[in-house]
């Protein structure tokens, strides 16, 4: 059993009996002692005390890995995308989706021009909700985009001018 735990039996040292006299064969079990780590061996990872070999919680280990690899910002944005309905509410989430996140700028795409204006007026509340959800320092700026309007300018011979106004609202 001691061999499984890293200990091995070694014979006890016999006292010096003189020059040229044979020591004899160690055959009895009483002459064997268990070799245990002694002073100066440091932490060998066994015993009731905490050790570097003890298992660590997976959350602590993954947290250190994510922080060390620089993925914390990307994971925070992924959390923001996944819980967008809970952060801004179901009504706003129906009419506004996260378009992109680049260099600290979060771009939100509104479903219509009126919802884009409404979101711009609600921007302080949306910023506070985002900070509460994922923490401060992740999103530096929020940009709200209008949906793409239908273009009336097709071909080489289009006439310059303002074109249709707010007909799709």
C-alpha atoms as a PDB file:
ATOM      1  CA  UNK A   1       0.000   0.000   0.000  1.00  0.00           C
ATOM      2  CA  UNK A   2       2.857   2.362   0.742  1.00  0.00           C
ATOM      3  CA  UNK A   3       4.175   1.916  -2.800  1.00  0.00           C
ATOM      4  CA  UNK A   4       0.903   3.207  -4.235  1.00  0.00           C
ATOM      5  CA  UNK A   5       1.205   6.374  -2.154  1.00  0.00           C
ATOM      6  CA  UNK A   6       4.753   7.120  -3.201  1.00  0.00           C
ATOM      7  CA  UNK A   7       6.555   5.597  -0.242  1.00  0.00           C
ATOM      8  CA  UNK A   8       8.983   2.728  -0.531  1.00  0.00           C
ATOM      9  CA  UNK A   9      10.524   0.425   1.996  1.00  0.00           C
ATOM     10  CA  UNK A  10      14.211   0.723   2.486  1.00  0.00           C
ATOM     11  CA  UNK A  11      16.358  -1.225   4.927  1.00  0.00           C
ATOM     12  CA  UNK A  12      17.405   0.461   8.134  1.00  0.00           C
ATOM     13  CA  UNK A  13      21.033   1.451   8.121  1.00  0.00           C
ATOM     14  CA  UNK A  14      23.097  -0.978  10.154  1.00  0.00           C
ATOM     15  CA  UNK A  15      25.800   0.239  12.442  1.00  0.00           C
ATOM     16  CA  UNK A  16      29.357   0.010  11.208  1.00  0.00           C
ATOM     17  CA  UNK A  17      30.826  -3.260  12.374  1.00  0.00           C
ATOM     18  CA  UNK A  18      34.305  -3.019  11.041  1.00  0.00           C
ATOM     19  CA  UNK A  19      36.326  -3.385   7.942  1.00  0.00           C
ATOM     20  CA  UNK A  20      35.731  -6.341   5.646  1.00  0.00           C
ATOM     21  CA  UNK A  21      32.982  -7.912   7.690  1.00  0.00           C
ATOM     22  CA  UNK A  22      29.837  -8.764   5.676  1.00  0.00           C
ATOM     23  CA  UNK A  23      26.672  -6.994   6.731  1.00  0.00           C
ATOM     24  CA  UNK A  24      24.415  -9.915   6.035  1.00  0.00           C
ATOM     25  CA  UNK A  25      21.184 -10.206   4.173  1.00  0.00           C
ATOM     26  CA  UNK A  26      18.171  -8.151   5.234  1.00  0.00           C
ATOM     27  CA  UNK A  27      15.373 -10.666   5.351  1.00  0.00           C
ATOM     28  CA  UNK A  28      13.125  -9.799   8.268  1.00  0.00           C
ATOM     29  CA  UNK A  29      10.289  -7.256   8.014  1.00  0.00           C
ATOM     30  CA  UNK A  30      11.299  -5.661  11.319  1.00  0.00           C
ATOM     31  CA  UNK A  31      14.470  -4.338   9.728  1.00  0.00           C
ATOM     32  CA  UNK A  32      12.545  -2.390   7.062  1.00  0.00           C
ATOM     33  CA  UNK A  33      11.289   1.151   7.689  1.00  0.00           C
ATOM     34  CA  UNK A  34       8.897   3.378   5.728  1.00  0.00           C
ATOM     35  CA  UNK A  35      10.734   6.257   4.092  1.00  0.00           C
ATOM     36  CA  UNK A  36       8.660   9.413   4.439  1.00  0.00           C
ATOM     37  CA  UNK A  37       9.451  12.895   3.213  1.00  0.00           C
ATOM     38  CA  UNK A  38      11.578  14.649   5.737  1.00  0.00           C
ATOM     39  CA  UNK A  39      12.392  18.232   6.540  1.00  0.00           C
ATOM     40  CA  UNK A  40      13.522  20.247   3.553  1.00  0.00           C
ATOM     41  CA  UNK A  41      11.476  18.264   1.046  1.00  0.00           C
ATOM     42  CA  UNK A  42       8.878  21.027   0.789  1.00  0.00           C
ATOM     43  CA  UNK A  43       5.237  20.401  -0.003  1.00  0.00           C
ATOM     44  CA  UNK A  44       4.863  16.898  -1.417  1.00  0.00           C
ATOM     45  CA  UNK A  45       1.104  17.199  -1.829  1.00  0.00           C
ATOM     46  CA  UNK A  46      -0.124  14.751   0.735  1.00  0.00           C
ATOM     47  CA  UNK A  47      -1.721  15.212   4.084  1.00  0.00           C
ATOM     48  CA  UNK A  48      -4.578  17.209   5.538  1.00  0.00           C
ATOM     49  CA  UNK A  49      -3.183  20.650   4.672  1.00  0.00           C
ATOM     50  CA  UNK A  50      -3.974  22.531   1.420  1.00  0.00           C
ATOM     51  CA  UNK A  51      -1.559  21.726  -1.352  1.00  0.00           C
ATOM     52  CA  UNK A  52      -0.817  22.900  -4.887  1.00  0.00           C
ATOM     53  CA  UNK A  53      -1.892  19.445  -6.055  1.00  0.00           C
ATOM     54  CA  UNK A  54      -5.427  19.752  -4.654  1.00  0.00           C
ATOM     55  CA  UNK A  55      -8.194  20.105  -7.277  1.00  0.00           C
ATOM     56  CA  UNK A  56      -9.435  23.641  -7.910  1.00  0.00           C
ATOM     57  CA  UNK A  57     -12.999  24.757  -8.745  1.00  0.00           C
ATOM     58  CA  UNK A  58     -13.564  24.854 -12.512  1.00  0.00           C
ATOM     59  CA  UNK A  59     -14.968  28.396 -12.395  1.00  0.00           C
ATOM     60  CA  UNK A  60     -11.813  29.730 -10.757  1.00  0.00           C
ATOM     61  CA  UNK A  61      -9.595  27.934 -13.254  1.00  0.00           C
ATOM     62  CA  UNK A  62     -11.582  29.104 -16.301  1.00  0.00           C
ATOM     63  CA  UNK A  63     -11.759  32.644 -14.921  1.00  0.00           C
ATOM     64  CA  UNK A  64      -7.966  32.829 -14.711  1.00  0.00           C
ATOM     65  CA  UNK A  65      -7.666  31.373 -18.216  1.00  0.00           C
ATOM     66  CA  UNK A  66     -10.135  33.856 -19.744  1.00  0.00           C
ATOM     67  CA  UNK A  67      -8.483  36.811 -18.013  1.00  0.00           C
ATOM     68  CA  UNK A  68      -5.015  35.674 -19.034  1.00  0.00           C
ATOM     69  CA  UNK A  69      -5.957  35.163 -22.674  1.00  0.00           C
ATOM     70  CA  UNK A  70      -7.774  38.513 -23.025  1.00  0.00           C
ATOM     71  CA  UNK A  71     -11.198  37.069 -23.815  1.00  0.00           C
ATOM     72  CA  UNK A  72     -13.121  38.876 -21.091  1.00  0.00           C
ATOM     73  CA  UNK A  73     -14.383  41.671 -23.383  1.00  0.00           C
ATOM     74  CA  UNK A  74     -15.583  39.255 -26.087  1.00  0.00           C
ATOM     75  CA  UNK A  75     -17.339  37.073 -23.505  1.00  0.00           C
ATOM     76  CA  UNK A  76     -19.040  40.117 -21.982  1.00  0.00           C
ATOM     77  CA  UNK A  77     -20.339  41.159 -25.411  1.00  0.00           C
ATOM     78  CA  UNK A  78     -21.557  37.594 -26.041  1.00  0.00           C
ATOM     79  CA  UNK A  79     -23.382  37.729 -22.698  1.00  0.00           C
ATOM     80  CA  UNK A  80     -24.901  41.057 -23.779  1.00  0.00           C
ATOM     81  CA  UNK A  81     -26.118  39.549 -27.076  1.00  0.00           C
ATOM     82  CA  UNK A  82     -27.600  36.490 -25.368  1.00  0.00           C
ATOM     83  CA  UNK A  83     -29.459  38.405 -22.666  1.00  0.00           C
ATOM     84  CA  UNK A  84     -30.483  41.419 -24.772  1.00  0.00           C
ATOM     85  CA  UNK A  85     -34.213  40.778 -24.151  1.00  0.00           C
ATOM     86  CA  UNK A  86     -33.716  40.783 -20.373  1.00  0.00           C
ATOM     87  CA  UNK A  87     -31.473  43.856 -20.363  1.00  0.00           C
ATOM     88  CA  UNK A  88     -33.559  46.288 -22.438  1.00  0.00           C
ATOM     89  CA  UNK A  89     -36.981  44.676 -22.150  1.00  0.00           C
ATOM     90  CA  UNK A  90     -39.021  42.664 -24.620  1.00  0.00           C
ATOM     91  CA  UNK A  91     -40.691  45.663 -26.330  1.00  0.00           C
ATOM     92  CA  UNK A  92     -37.429  47.430 -27.116  1.00  0.00           C
ATOM     93  CA  UNK A  93     -35.741  44.135 -28.035  1.00  0.00           C
ATOM     94  CA  UNK A  94     -38.412  43.487 -30.701  1.00  0.00           C
ATOM     95  CA  UNK A  95     -37.528  46.744 -32.456  1.00  0.00           C
ATOM     96  CA  UNK A  96     -33.781  47.004 -31.762  1.00  0.00           C
ATOM     97  CA  UNK A  97     -31.052  44.401 -32.258  1.00  0.00           C
ATOM     98  CA  UNK A  98     -27.312  44.490 -31.721  1.00  0.00           C
ATOM     99  CA  UNK A  99     -25.699  44.945 -35.118  1.00  0.00           C
ATOM    100  CA  UNK A 100     -21.996  44.906 -34.251  1.00  0.00           C
ATOM    101  CA  UNK A 101     -19.449  45.597 -31.551  1.00  0.00           C
ATOM    102  CA  UNK A 102     -16.076  46.969 -32.603  1.00  0.00           C
ATOM    103  CA  UNK A 103     -13.401  48.825 -30.605  1.00  0.00           C
ATOM    104  CA  UNK A 104     -15.743  49.571 -27.701  1.00  0.00           C
ATOM    105  CA  UNK A 105     -18.528  50.937 -29.936  1.00  0.00           C
ATOM    106  CA  UNK A 106     -21.822  49.061 -29.735  1.00  0.00           C
ATOM    107  CA  UNK A 107     -24.008  49.568 -32.809  1.00  0.00           C
ATOM    108  CA  UNK A 108     -27.737  49.000 -32.399  1.00  0.00           C
ATOM    109  CA  UNK A 109     -29.943  48.627 -35.484  1.00  0.00           C
ATOM    110  CA  UNK A 110     -33.491  49.938 -35.064  1.00  0.00           C
ATOM    111  CA  UNK A 111     -36.453  48.499 -36.964  1.00  0.00           C
ATOM    112  CA  UNK A 112     -37.686  51.927 -38.131  1.00  0.00           C
ATOM    113  CA  UNK A 113     -36.717  55.576 -38.090  1.00  0.00           C
ATOM    114  CA  UNK A 114     -39.156  56.337 -35.254  1.00  0.00           C
ATOM    115  CA  UNK A 115     -37.683  53.547 -33.117  1.00  0.00           C
ATOM    116  CA  UNK A 116     -34.185  54.890 -33.790  1.00  0.00           C
ATOM    117  CA  UNK A 117     -35.284  58.324 -32.496  1.00  0.00           C
ATOM    118  CA  UNK A 118     -36.936  56.660 -29.500  1.00  0.00           C
ATOM    119  CA  UNK A 119     -33.769  54.654 -28.734  1.00  0.00           C
ATOM    120  CA  UNK A 120     -31.621  57.778 -28.929  1.00  0.00           C
ATOM    121  CA  UNK A 121     -33.843  59.376 -26.299  1.00  0.00           C
ATOM    122  CA  UNK A 122     -33.633  56.220 -24.132  1.00  0.00           C
ATOM    123  CA  UNK A 123     -29.845  55.947 -24.498  1.00  0.00           C
ATOM    124  CA  UNK A 124     -28.957  56.866 -20.868  1.00  0.00           C
ATOM    125  CA  UNK A 125     -31.288  54.162 -19.511  1.00  0.00           C
ATOM    126  CA  UNK A 126     -29.951  51.604 -22.017  1.00  0.00           C
ATOM    127  CA  UNK A 127     -26.349  52.464 -21.074  1.00  0.00           C
ATOM    128  CA  UNK A 128     -27.135  52.039 -17.371  1.00  0.00           C
ATOM    129  CA  UNK A 129     -28.819  48.683 -18.000  1.00  0.00           C
ATOM    130  CA  UNK A 130     -25.822  47.475 -20.029  1.00  0.00           C
ATOM    131  CA  UNK A 131     -23.363  48.553 -17.317  1.00  0.00           C
ATOM    132  CA  UNK A 132     -25.463  46.772 -14.687  1.00  0.00           C
ATOM    133  CA  UNK A 133     -25.534  43.600 -16.795  1.00  0.00           C
ATOM    134  CA  UNK A 134     -21.951  43.227 -18.039  1.00  0.00           C
ATOM    135  CA  UNK A 135     -19.923  45.750 -16.080  1.00  0.00           C
ATOM    136  CA  UNK A 136     -18.282  49.072 -16.728  1.00  0.00           C
ATOM    137  CA  UNK A 137     -15.530  49.678 -19.259  1.00  0.00           C
ATOM    138  CA  UNK A 138     -16.701  47.148 -21.860  1.00  0.00           C
ATOM    139  CA  UNK A 139     -18.946  49.419 -23.960  1.00  0.00           C
ATOM    140  CA  UNK A 140     -17.475  52.891 -24.435  1.00  0.00           C
ATOM    141  CA  UNK A 141     -20.033  54.284 -26.881  1.00  0.00           C
ATOM    142  CA  UNK A 142     -23.459  53.288 -28.217  1.00  0.00           C
ATOM    143  CA  UNK A 143     -24.449  54.136 -31.787  1.00  0.00           C
ATOM    144  CA  UNK A 144     -28.027  53.756 -33.052  1.00  0.00           C
ATOM    145  CA  UNK A 145     -28.497  53.167 -36.799  1.00  0.00           C
ATOM    146  CA  UNK A 146     -31.615  53.622 -38.880  1.00  0.00           C
ATOM    147  CA  UNK A 147     -32.719  50.776 -41.098  1.00  0.00           C
ATOM    148  CA  UNK A 148     -31.621  50.848 -44.721  1.00  0.00           C
ATOM    149  CA  UNK A 149     -34.078  52.805 -46.852  1.00  0.00           C
ATOM    150  CA  UNK A 150     -35.027  51.743 -50.352  1.00  0.00           C
ATOM    151  CA  UNK A 151     -32.884  53.544 -52.899  1.00  0.00           C
ATOM    152  CA  UNK A 152     -34.625  55.136 -55.879  1.00  0.00           C
ATOM    153  CA  UNK A 153     -31.369  55.758 -57.709  1.00  0.00           C
ATOM    154  CA  UNK A 154     -30.821  52.886 -60.105  1.00  0.00           C
ATOM    155  CA  UNK A 155     -28.686  52.878 -63.206  1.00  0.00           C
ATOM    156  CA  UNK A 156     -26.407  55.382 -64.895  1.00  0.00           C
ATOM    157  CA  UNK A 157     -29.103  57.860 -65.826  1.00  0.00           C
ATOM    158  CA  UNK A 158     -30.601  58.630 -62.425  1.00  0.00           C
ATOM    159  CA  UNK A 159     -31.616  62.225 -61.852  1.00  0.00           C
ATOM    160  CA  UNK A 160     -29.872  64.031 -58.991  1.00  0.00           C
ATOM    161  CA  UNK A 161     -32.108  65.363 -56.278  1.00  0.00           C
ATOM    162  CA  UNK A 162     -33.521  64.590 -52.869  1.00  0.00           C
ATOM    163  CA  UNK A 163     -35.776  61.748 -53.974  1.00  0.00           C
ATOM    164  CA  UNK A 164     -38.603  60.484 -51.809  1.00  0.00           C
ATOM    165  CA  UNK A 165     -38.754  61.738 -48.224  1.00  0.00           C
ATOM    166  CA  UNK A 166     -40.026  59.937 -45.150  1.00  0.00           C
ATOM    167  CA  UNK A 167     -42.426  57.605 -46.956  1.00  0.00           C
ATOM    168  CA  UNK A 168     -41.472  54.350 -45.191  1.00  0.00           C
ATOM    169  CA  UNK A 169     -42.145  55.281 -41.589  1.00  0.00           C
END
